[in-house]
Structure formats: C-alpha cells, structure tokens
C-alpha cells in the first residue's frame, strides 16, 4: 500500500478515501490533515463521482489527532491550523450532494468521531468501539463533534459521551442512532461496498440531492426549507433520470391496473 497518509481512488463513479496511518491508528498529524483535505476536495468536486466510501487501513478506523505528535510539539503549525485543514475536508463531504458511506471498523475515538459523523451512512463491526475521550488528555471536542454529535444522538447522550471516558459498544452505537448497521467484523468493508453500489445503481442524482437537503437544512428557516424542497423536486423532475423512472413507474402501474 502507498505510503501516502490518505489514499484516493475513483472507479466507476465510486470515490474511495482510505485513511492510511495504520501504525498510529490512523491518527491525524500535519501531513495526513492536508492529504485528507486534498482527497476530499477532489472527490467532491469531480463530475464522475456519485458515491464516496471512507475506509481505513489497519485494525482501527481513526483515533482522532496524533497525541504523540502533540506531545513532541509542533514547531511549524498549530493544532488550530491542523483542525482547520481537517475541517475543510469534513465540510466538503457534508456540504456536497454526494452520499458518503463509512466502513468504520475497530475503534473510532476523538476526532475520528467527527469523520464518522461527516459520513451519511456508517457500517461498523460487531467488535467496534466508539467514544469521545477528549477530556482524558485535557482537550475539547473538535472536527465537528460538538456541531454534529447532539444532532445524531440527542443532547443528553452527546453529553454522556463527551463528559466520560465511555466507549460505546457496537450495539450501543446502533441503539443510539450513531451508526446505520452492525455486521460481522470481517464484513464491514463488503457491506459498505454494497451500500455504495446500491446508490450507484439507483437514482444517483436524487440520492445526492436528498442528502444535500437534509445536511444543509440548518442553514435555512422552515419556510426557506419548504421553498428549497419545492425548487429541488421541480429541478429533479426535469432530469432524464427522473423522467425515465417516473415513466417506468407509470407503465408498471398501468399494467397492474389491467
């Protein structure tokens, strides 16, 4: 595998972004932060990408920031600058009209939780663990955790996670609504592939716009959201993809009525 800390490949409409610092549990330091920002920017800006899959090398998904790098000191950058670089990638994913699935095997903690929350559909293994753990080393949530966690699980549960050293089991993460599916540990990657391929085989434009409507709703009032929904469905209906599917639905209904 390449030595690049973040890998990007695009095949048949699917962009795969792989976190690739397995020896450090895919924890972010300077080079990985910038590689992540570049990979996500490219994946979300390409016209030939209609689904994104995020996975990771090694036994864990992502441990957040590299604490050892922090302990050694950072002479040519600050933790704030590093966070901004990673945040650029998170915003690219969340604000895009491309659905994102994460194959989050093993442990996800700290800022890794932010990467997980930036994904629209999350698959984890039955032996996976998910937690915050920021306060254990005297730090505060970053990488969108404080912005997205409460929306995903509710404020009380978000506080339980960030104010303790608790690691959720896979079943607890599913029960909380933090992840979409729990599968056997060795099936995480394959199941994430299935989800991505189902998007690619379906109405890709509609999936992407549905994701955009949900993700960007907080920036609009209720009335504005209704207007955006009306505009979006009208625009969708003008596309060849929707027209073909609407006609196929009408034809099937007509046959059933006979």
C-alpha atoms as a PDB file:
ATOM      1  CA  UNK A   1       0.000   0.000   0.000  1.00  0.00           C
ATOM      2  CA  UNK A   2       1.176   3.535  -0.779  1.00  0.00           C
ATOM      3  CA  UNK A   3       2.940   5.489   1.959  1.00  0.00           C
ATOM      4  CA  UNK A   4       0.587   8.433   1.486  1.00  0.00           C
ATOM      5  CA  UNK A   5      -1.377   9.010   4.716  1.00  0.00           C
ATOM      6  CA  UNK A   6      -4.644   9.320   2.776  1.00  0.00           C
ATOM      7  CA  UNK A   7      -5.376   7.409  -0.423  1.00  0.00           C
ATOM      8  CA  UNK A   8      -7.912   8.336  -3.091  1.00  0.00           C
ATOM      9  CA  UNK A   9      -9.119   6.195  -5.980  1.00  0.00           C
ATOM     10  CA  UNK A  10     -12.077   6.657  -8.315  1.00  0.00           C
ATOM     11  CA  UNK A  11     -13.567   3.696 -10.185  1.00  0.00           C
ATOM     12  CA  UNK A  12     -16.919   3.618 -11.991  1.00  0.00           C
ATOM     13  CA  UNK A  13     -18.415   6.523 -10.076  1.00  0.00           C
ATOM     14  CA  UNK A  14     -17.182   5.467  -6.633  1.00  0.00           C
ATOM     15  CA  UNK A  15     -14.512   7.503  -4.862  1.00  0.00           C
ATOM     16  CA  UNK A  16     -12.711   5.589  -2.128  1.00  0.00           C
ATOM     17  CA  UNK A  17     -10.889   7.622   0.529  1.00  0.00           C
ATOM     18  CA  UNK A  18      -8.654   5.472   2.724  1.00  0.00           C
ATOM     19  CA  UNK A  19      -7.069   6.685   5.966  1.00  0.00           C
ATOM     20  CA  UNK A  20      -3.594   5.194   5.791  1.00  0.00           C
ATOM     21  CA  UNK A  21      -1.573   5.582   9.006  1.00  0.00           C
ATOM     22  CA  UNK A  22      -2.323   2.153  10.486  1.00  0.00           C
ATOM     23  CA  UNK A  23       0.679   2.176  12.831  1.00  0.00           C
ATOM     24  CA  UNK A  24      -0.832   5.233  14.570  1.00  0.00           C
ATOM     25  CA  UNK A  25      -4.470   4.066  14.436  1.00  0.00           C
ATOM     26  CA  UNK A  26      -4.941   6.497  11.525  1.00  0.00           C
ATOM     27  CA  UNK A  27      -4.490   9.452  13.860  1.00  0.00           C
ATOM     28  CA  UNK A  28      -4.080  12.817  12.156  1.00  0.00           C
ATOM     29  CA  UNK A  29      -0.876  14.813  12.094  1.00  0.00           C
ATOM     30  CA  UNK A  30       0.166  17.580   9.713  1.00  0.00           C
ATOM     31  CA  UNK A  31       0.768  15.590   6.525  1.00  0.00           C
ATOM     32  CA  UNK A  32      -2.368  13.495   6.977  1.00  0.00           C
ATOM     33  CA  UNK A  33      -4.509  16.562   7.662  1.00  0.00           C
ATOM     34  CA  UNK A  34      -3.500  18.178   4.379  1.00  0.00           C
ATOM     35  CA  UNK A  35      -3.743  14.913   2.433  1.00  0.00           C
ATOM     36  CA  UNK A  36      -7.273  14.464   3.803  1.00  0.00           C
ATOM     37  CA  UNK A  37      -8.273  17.988   2.765  1.00  0.00           C
ATOM     38  CA  UNK A  38      -6.914  17.411  -0.740  1.00  0.00           C
ATOM     39  CA  UNK A  39      -8.539  13.992  -1.177  1.00  0.00           C
ATOM     40  CA  UNK A  40     -11.980  15.130  -0.030  1.00  0.00           C
ATOM     41  CA  UNK A  41     -11.810  18.281  -2.150  1.00  0.00           C
ATOM     42  CA  UNK A  42     -11.028  16.249  -5.254  1.00  0.00           C
ATOM     43  CA  UNK A  43     -13.618  13.564  -4.555  1.00  0.00           C
ATOM     44  CA  UNK A  44     -16.435  16.045  -4.010  1.00  0.00           C
ATOM     45  CA  UNK A  45     -15.570  18.241  -6.994  1.00  0.00           C
ATOM     46  CA  UNK A  46     -15.327  15.562  -9.690  1.00  0.00           C
ATOM     47  CA  UNK A  47     -18.257  15.170 -12.071  1.00  0.00           C
ATOM     48  CA  UNK A  48     -17.636  11.429 -12.369  1.00  0.00           C
ATOM     49  CA  UNK A  49     -18.074  10.752  -8.620  1.00  0.00           C
ATOM     50  CA  UNK A  50     -21.573   9.792  -7.470  1.00  0.00           C
ATOM     51  CA  UNK A  51     -20.804   7.992  -4.200  1.00  0.00           C
ATOM     52  CA  UNK A  52     -17.968   8.156  -1.672  1.00  0.00           C
ATOM     53  CA  UNK A  53     -16.709   5.374   0.573  1.00  0.00           C
ATOM     54  CA  UNK A  54     -14.387   6.148   3.507  1.00  0.00           C
ATOM     55  CA  UNK A  55     -12.385   3.294   4.977  1.00  0.00           C
ATOM     56  CA  UNK A  56      -9.117   2.823   6.828  1.00  0.00           C
ATOM     57  CA  UNK A  57      -6.027   0.637   6.837  1.00  0.00           C
ATOM     58  CA  UNK A  58      -5.095  -1.445   9.865  1.00  0.00           C
ATOM     59  CA  UNK A  59      -7.140  -2.599  12.861  1.00  0.00           C
ATOM     60  CA  UNK A  60      -8.810   0.745  13.720  1.00  0.00           C
ATOM     61  CA  UNK A  61     -10.800   3.346  11.830  1.00  0.00           C
ATOM     62  CA  UNK A  62      -9.474   6.581  13.354  1.00  0.00           C
ATOM     63  CA  UNK A  63      -8.184   7.693  16.749  1.00  0.00           C
ATOM     64  CA  UNK A  64      -8.501  11.416  16.002  1.00  0.00           C
ATOM     65  CA  UNK A  65      -5.419  13.570  16.464  1.00  0.00           C
ATOM     66  CA  UNK A  66      -1.961  12.083  16.929  1.00  0.00           C
ATOM     67  CA  UNK A  67      -1.308  12.715  20.625  1.00  0.00           C
ATOM     68  CA  UNK A  68       2.349  11.712  20.351  1.00  0.00           C
ATOM     69  CA  UNK A  69       2.865  14.379  17.687  1.00  0.00           C
ATOM     70  CA  UNK A  70       1.195  16.883  20.006  1.00  0.00           C
ATOM     71  CA  UNK A  71       3.457  15.842  22.877  1.00  0.00           C
ATOM     72  CA  UNK A  72       6.579  16.325  20.760  1.00  0.00           C
ATOM     73  CA  UNK A  73       5.479  19.857  19.991  1.00  0.00           C
ATOM     74  CA  UNK A  74       4.563  21.462  16.710  1.00  0.00           C
ATOM     75  CA  UNK A  75       7.100  23.992  15.563  1.00  0.00           C
ATOM     76  CA  UNK A  76       5.746  24.856  12.134  1.00  0.00           C
ATOM     77  CA  UNK A  77       1.988  24.585  12.688  1.00  0.00           C
ATOM     78  CA  UNK A  78      -0.552  24.775  15.477  1.00  0.00           C
ATOM     79  CA  UNK A  79      -3.314  22.388  16.451  1.00  0.00           C
ATOM     80  CA  UNK A  80      -5.786  25.056  15.316  1.00  0.00           C
ATOM     81  CA  UNK A  81      -4.262  25.122  11.847  1.00  0.00           C
ATOM     82  CA  UNK A  82      -4.359  21.327  11.709  1.00  0.00           C
ATOM     83  CA  UNK A  83      -8.029  21.296  12.754  1.00  0.00           C
ATOM     84  CA  UNK A  84      -8.911  23.854  10.088  1.00  0.00           C
ATOM     85  CA  UNK A  85      -7.307  21.677   7.401  1.00  0.00           C
ATOM     86  CA  UNK A  86      -9.247  18.590   8.502  1.00  0.00           C
ATOM     87  CA  UNK A  87     -12.416  20.663   8.848  1.00  0.00           C
ATOM     88  CA  UNK A  88     -12.096  21.682   5.212  1.00  0.00           C
ATOM     89  CA  UNK A  89     -12.430  18.014   4.312  1.00  0.00           C
ATOM     90  CA  UNK A  90     -15.356  17.483   6.665  1.00  0.00           C
ATOM     91  CA  UNK A  91     -17.192  20.471   5.194  1.00  0.00           C
ATOM     92  CA  UNK A  92     -16.501  19.234   1.669  1.00  0.00           C
ATOM     93  CA  UNK A  93     -18.193  15.923   2.496  1.00  0.00           C
ATOM     94  CA  UNK A  94     -21.135  17.311   4.483  1.00  0.00           C
ATOM     95  CA  UNK A  95     -21.921  20.146   2.078  1.00  0.00           C
ATOM     96  CA  UNK A  96     -21.617  18.056  -1.072  1.00  0.00           C
ATOM     97  CA  UNK A  97     -24.530  16.468  -2.924  1.00  0.00           C
ATOM     98  CA  UNK A  98     -22.776  13.086  -2.909  1.00  0.00           C
ATOM     99  CA  UNK A  99     -23.790  10.373  -0.402  1.00  0.00           C
ATOM    100  CA  UNK A 100     -20.962   9.103   1.805  1.00  0.00           C
ATOM    101  CA  UNK A 101     -20.713   5.675   3.443  1.00  0.00           C
ATOM    102  CA  UNK A 102     -18.078   4.862   6.073  1.00  0.00           C
ATOM    103  CA  UNK A 103     -16.636   1.426   6.789  1.00  0.00           C
ATOM    104  CA  UNK A 104     -15.635   2.241  10.378  1.00  0.00           C
ATOM    105  CA  UNK A 105     -14.122  -0.972  11.695  1.00  0.00           C
ATOM    106  CA  UNK A 106     -12.324  -1.309  15.020  1.00  0.00           C
ATOM    107  CA  UNK A 107     -12.018   1.717  17.292  1.00  0.00           C
ATOM    108  CA  UNK A 108     -13.213   5.233  16.471  1.00  0.00           C
ATOM    109  CA  UNK A 109     -12.391   7.937  19.012  1.00  0.00           C
ATOM    110  CA  UNK A 110     -11.736  11.654  19.414  1.00  0.00           C
ATOM    111  CA  UNK A 111     -11.666  13.445  16.096  1.00  0.00           C
ATOM    112  CA  UNK A 112     -12.326  10.130  14.385  1.00  0.00           C
ATOM    113  CA  UNK A 113     -15.854  10.534  15.674  1.00  0.00           C
ATOM    114  CA  UNK A 114     -16.070  13.713  13.602  1.00  0.00           C
ATOM    115  CA  UNK A 115     -15.053  11.805  10.463  1.00  0.00           C
ATOM    116  CA  UNK A 116     -17.729   9.230  11.249  1.00  0.00           C
ATOM    117  CA  UNK A 117     -20.356  11.966  11.747  1.00  0.00           C
ATOM    118  CA  UNK A 118     -19.406  13.530   8.410  1.00  0.00           C
ATOM    119  CA  UNK A 119     -20.467  10.283   6.721  1.00  0.00           C
ATOM    120  CA  UNK A 120     -24.117   9.845   5.825  1.00  0.00           C
ATOM    121  CA  UNK A 121     -24.297   6.080   6.381  1.00  0.00           C
ATOM    122  CA  UNK A 122     -21.991   4.220   8.758  1.00  0.00           C
ATOM    123  CA  UNK A 123     -21.214   0.496   8.882  1.00  0.00           C
ATOM    124  CA  UNK A 124     -19.290  -0.873  11.872  1.00  0.00           C
ATOM    125  CA  UNK A 125     -18.223  -4.323  13.030  1.00  0.00           C
ATOM    126  CA  UNK A 126     -19.754  -6.178  15.957  1.00  0.00           C
ATOM    127  CA  UNK A 127     -16.479  -5.728  17.887  1.00  0.00           C
ATOM    128  CA  UNK A 128     -16.199  -1.992  17.175  1.00  0.00           C
ATOM    129  CA  UNK A 129     -15.928   0.674  19.876  1.00  0.00           C
ATOM    130  CA  UNK A 130     -16.804   4.369  19.585  1.00  0.00           C
ATOM    131  CA  UNK A 131     -16.074   7.163  22.034  1.00  0.00           C
ATOM    132  CA  UNK A 132     -15.022  10.741  22.625  1.00  0.00           C
ATOM    133  CA  UNK A 133     -12.062  10.536  25.046  1.00  0.00           C
ATOM    134  CA  UNK A 134     -11.008  14.156  24.504  1.00  0.00           C
ATOM    135  CA  UNK A 135     -11.148  15.056  28.184  1.00  0.00           C
ATOM    136  CA  UNK A 136      -8.881  12.124  29.067  1.00  0.00           C
ATOM    137  CA  UNK A 137      -5.979  14.177  27.730  1.00  0.00           C
ATOM    138  CA  UNK A 138      -7.348  17.589  28.678  1.00  0.00           C
ATOM    139  CA  UNK A 139      -8.707  18.531  25.264  1.00  0.00           C
ATOM    140  CA  UNK A 140     -12.075  19.627  23.923  1.00  0.00           C
ATOM    141  CA  UNK A 141     -14.128  18.225  21.010  1.00  0.00           C
ATOM    142  CA  UNK A 142     -13.156  19.258  17.506  1.00  0.00           C
ATOM    143  CA  UNK A 143     -13.604  18.150  13.888  1.00  0.00           C
ATOM    144  CA  UNK A 144     -17.371  18.832  14.022  1.00  0.00           C
ATOM    145  CA  UNK A 145     -18.057  16.634  17.074  1.00  0.00           C
ATOM    146  CA  UNK A 146     -19.653  19.460  19.074  1.00  0.00           C
ATOM    147  CA  UNK A 147     -21.588  20.552  15.969  1.00  0.00           C
ATOM    148  CA  UNK A 148     -22.880  17.146  14.884  1.00  0.00           C
ATOM    149  CA  UNK A 149     -22.939  14.685  17.776  1.00  0.00           C
ATOM    150  CA  UNK A 150     -26.029  16.054  19.537  1.00  0.00           C
ATOM    151  CA  UNK A 151     -27.898  16.167  16.230  1.00  0.00           C
ATOM    152  CA  UNK A 152     -27.136  12.489  15.736  1.00  0.00           C
ATOM    153  CA  UNK A 153     -27.845  11.117  19.212  1.00  0.00           C
ATOM    154  CA  UNK A 154     -29.556  13.899  21.181  1.00  0.00           C
ATOM    155  CA  UNK A 155     -28.058  16.408  23.595  1.00  0.00           C
ATOM    156  CA  UNK A 156     -28.213  14.261  26.742  1.00  0.00           C
ATOM    157  CA  UNK A 157     -26.472  11.318  25.127  1.00  0.00           C
ATOM    158  CA  UNK A 158     -23.910  13.600  23.494  1.00  0.00           C
ATOM    159  CA  UNK A 159     -23.066  14.975  26.938  1.00  0.00           C
ATOM    160  CA  UNK A 160     -22.779  11.460  28.343  1.00  0.00           C
ATOM    161  CA  UNK A 161     -20.232  10.644  25.676  1.00  0.00           C
ATOM    162  CA  UNK A 162     -18.067  13.774  25.916  1.00  0.00           C
ATOM    163  CA  UNK A 163     -18.147  14.018  29.732  1.00  0.00           C
ATOM    164  CA  UNK A 164     -16.964  10.464  30.385  1.00  0.00           C
ATOM    165  CA  UNK A 165     -14.314   8.091  29.100  1.00  0.00           C
ATOM    166  CA  UNK A 166     -17.029   5.769  27.866  1.00  0.00           C
ATOM    167  CA  UNK A 167     -16.551   3.678  24.751  1.00  0.00           C
ATOM    168  CA  UNK A 168     -19.821   2.597  23.198  1.00  0.00           C
ATOM    169  CA  UNK A 169     -20.132  -0.986  22.046  1.00  0.00           C
ATOM    170  CA  UNK A 170     -21.312  -1.626  18.506  1.00  0.00           C
ATOM    171  CA  UNK A 171     -24.824  -2.447  19.672  1.00  0.00           C
ATOM    172  CA  UNK A 172     -24.966   0.679  21.846  1.00  0.00           C
ATOM    173  CA  UNK A 173     -23.821   2.835  18.926  1.00  0.00           C
ATOM    174  CA  UNK A 174     -26.592   1.308  16.804  1.00  0.00           C
ATOM    175  CA  UNK A 175     -29.175   1.815  19.555  1.00  0.00           C
ATOM    176  CA  UNK A 176     -28.150   5.462  19.914  1.00  0.00           C
ATOM    177  CA  UNK A 177     -28.536   6.048  16.182  1.00  0.00           C
ATOM    178  CA  UNK A 178     -24.857   6.832  15.757  1.00  0.00           C
ATOM    179  CA  UNK A 179     -24.398   4.160  13.084  1.00  0.00           C
ATOM    180  CA  UNK A 180     -26.689   2.590  10.484  1.00  0.00           C
ATOM    181  CA  UNK A 181     -25.634  -1.061  10.619  1.00  0.00           C
ATOM    182  CA  UNK A 182     -23.574  -3.512  12.660  1.00  0.00           C
ATOM    183  CA  UNK A 183     -22.163  -6.504  10.799  1.00  0.00           C
ATOM    184  CA  UNK A 184     -19.562  -9.175  11.429  1.00  0.00           C
ATOM    185  CA  UNK A 185     -16.106  -7.661  11.874  1.00  0.00           C
ATOM    186  CA  UNK A 186     -14.824  -9.153   8.626  1.00  0.00           C
ATOM    187  CA  UNK A 187     -17.847  -7.961   6.638  1.00  0.00           C
ATOM    188  CA  UNK A 188     -17.648  -4.209   7.289  1.00  0.00           C
ATOM    189  CA  UNK A 189     -15.833  -3.381   4.057  1.00  0.00           C
ATOM    190  CA  UNK A 190     -18.009  -5.597   1.872  1.00  0.00           C
ATOM    191  CA  UNK A 191     -21.238  -4.215   3.320  1.00  0.00           C
ATOM    192  CA  UNK A 192     -20.084  -0.620   2.821  1.00  0.00           C
ATOM    193  CA  UNK A 193     -19.291  -1.518  -0.795  1.00  0.00           C
ATOM    194  CA  UNK A 194     -22.818  -2.921  -1.198  1.00  0.00           C
ATOM    195  CA  UNK A 195     -24.362   0.291   0.104  1.00  0.00           C
ATOM    196  CA  UNK A 196     -22.246   2.446  -2.210  1.00  0.00           C
ATOM    197  CA  UNK A 197     -23.033   0.245  -5.201  1.00  0.00           C
ATOM    198  CA  UNK A 198     -26.767   0.407  -4.428  1.00  0.00           C
ATOM    199  CA  UNK A 199     -26.555   4.199  -4.701  1.00  0.00           C
ATOM    200  CA  UNK A 200     -24.651   3.966  -7.959  1.00  0.00           C
ATOM    201  CA  UNK A 201     -27.176   1.506  -9.383  1.00  0.00           C
ATOM    202  CA  UNK A 202     -30.096   3.709  -8.349  1.00  0.00           C
ATOM    203  CA  UNK A 203     -31.144   7.289  -8.903  1.00  0.00           C
ATOM    204  CA  UNK A 204     -27.760   8.780  -8.083  1.00  0.00           C
ATOM    205  CA  UNK A 205     -28.828  12.383  -8.603  1.00  0.00           C
ATOM    206  CA  UNK A 206     -31.865  12.012  -6.352  1.00  0.00           C
ATOM    207  CA  UNK A 207     -29.850  10.347  -3.594  1.00  0.00           C
ATOM    208  CA  UNK A 208     -27.329  13.161  -3.704  1.00  0.00           C
ATOM    209  CA  UNK A 209     -29.923  15.920  -3.598  1.00  0.00           C
ATOM    210  CA  UNK A 210     -31.845  14.207  -0.783  1.00  0.00           C
ATOM    211  CA  UNK A 211     -28.617  14.107   1.225  1.00  0.00           C
ATOM    212  CA  UNK A 212     -27.995  17.792   0.455  1.00  0.00           C
ATOM    213  CA  UNK A 213     -31.481  18.805   1.610  1.00  0.00           C
ATOM    214  CA  UNK A 214     -31.069  17.072   4.956  1.00  0.00           C
ATOM    215  CA  UNK A 215     -27.473  18.160   5.581  1.00  0.00           C
ATOM    216  CA  UNK A 216     -27.939  21.828   4.678  1.00  0.00           C
ATOM    217  CA  UNK A 217     -31.340  22.332   6.350  1.00  0.00           C
ATOM    218  CA  UNK A 218     -29.937  24.027   9.494  1.00  0.00           C
ATOM    219  CA  UNK A 219     -28.833  26.972   7.357  1.00  0.00           C
ATOM    220  CA  UNK A 220     -32.445  27.703   6.363  1.00  0.00           C
ATOM    221  CA  UNK A 221     -35.649  28.616   8.169  1.00  0.00           C
ATOM    222  CA  UNK A 222     -38.592  26.211   7.973  1.00  0.00           C
ATOM    223  CA  UNK A 223     -40.237  28.314   5.274  1.00  0.00           C
ATOM    224  CA  UNK A 224     -36.979  28.527   3.330  1.00  0.00           C
ATOM    225  CA  UNK A 225     -36.569  24.761   3.577  1.00  0.00           C
ATOM    226  CA  UNK A 226     -40.040  24.212   2.119  1.00  0.00           C
ATOM    227  CA  UNK A 227     -39.160  26.539  -0.750  1.00  0.00           C
ATOM    228  CA  UNK A 228     -35.880  24.680  -1.319  1.00  0.00           C
ATOM    229  CA  UNK A 229     -37.704  21.339  -1.335  1.00  0.00           C
ATOM    230  CA  UNK A 230     -40.148  22.634  -3.944  1.00  0.00           C
ATOM    231  CA  UNK A 231     -37.322  24.007  -6.088  1.00  0.00           C
ATOM    232  CA  UNK A 232     -35.317  20.795  -5.757  1.00  0.00           C
ATOM    233  CA  UNK A 233     -38.111  18.386  -6.678  1.00  0.00           C
ATOM    234  CA  UNK A 234     -39.014  20.540  -9.683  1.00  0.00           C
ATOM    235  CA  UNK A 235     -35.390  20.526 -10.841  1.00  0.00           C
ATOM    236  CA  UNK A 236     -35.184  16.761 -10.294  1.00  0.00           C
ATOM    237  CA  UNK A 237     -38.277  16.133 -12.395  1.00  0.00           C
ATOM    238  CA  UNK A 238     -36.626  17.854 -15.371  1.00  0.00           C
ATOM    239  CA  UNK A 239     -33.705  15.404 -15.408  1.00  0.00           C
ATOM    240  CA  UNK A 240     -33.639  12.459 -17.841  1.00  0.00           C
ATOM    241  CA  UNK A 241     -33.016  10.150 -14.872  1.00  0.00           C
ATOM    242  CA  UNK A 242     -36.238  11.161 -13.116  1.00  0.00           C
ATOM    243  CA  UNK A 243     -38.310  11.291 -16.286  1.00  0.00           C
ATOM    244  CA  UNK A 244     -37.319   7.739 -17.188  1.00  0.00           C
ATOM    245  CA  UNK A 245     -38.059   6.448 -13.700  1.00  0.00           C
ATOM    246  CA  UNK A 246     -41.377   8.287 -13.424  1.00  0.00           C
ATOM    247  CA  UNK A 247     -42.457   6.894 -16.798  1.00  0.00           C
ATOM    248  CA  UNK A 248     -41.394   3.374 -15.786  1.00  0.00           C
ATOM    249  CA  UNK A 249     -43.450   3.701 -12.591  1.00  0.00           C
ATOM    250  CA  UNK A 250     -46.464   4.886 -14.570  1.00  0.00           C
ATOM    251  CA  UNK A 251     -46.109   1.990 -17.019  1.00  0.00           C
ATOM    252  CA  UNK A 252     -45.933  -0.572 -14.190  1.00  0.00           C
ATOM    253  CA  UNK A 253     -48.994   0.942 -12.535  1.00  0.00           C
ATOM    254  CA  UNK A 254     -50.918   0.827 -15.800  1.00  0.00           C
ATOM    255  CA  UNK A 255     -50.066  -2.860 -16.297  1.00  0.00           C
ATOM    256  CA  UNK A 256     -51.202  -3.705 -12.754  1.00  0.00           C
ATOM    257  CA  UNK A 257     -54.474  -1.901 -13.296  1.00  0.00           C
ATOM    258  CA  UNK A 258     -55.381  -4.086 -16.266  1.00  0.00           C
END
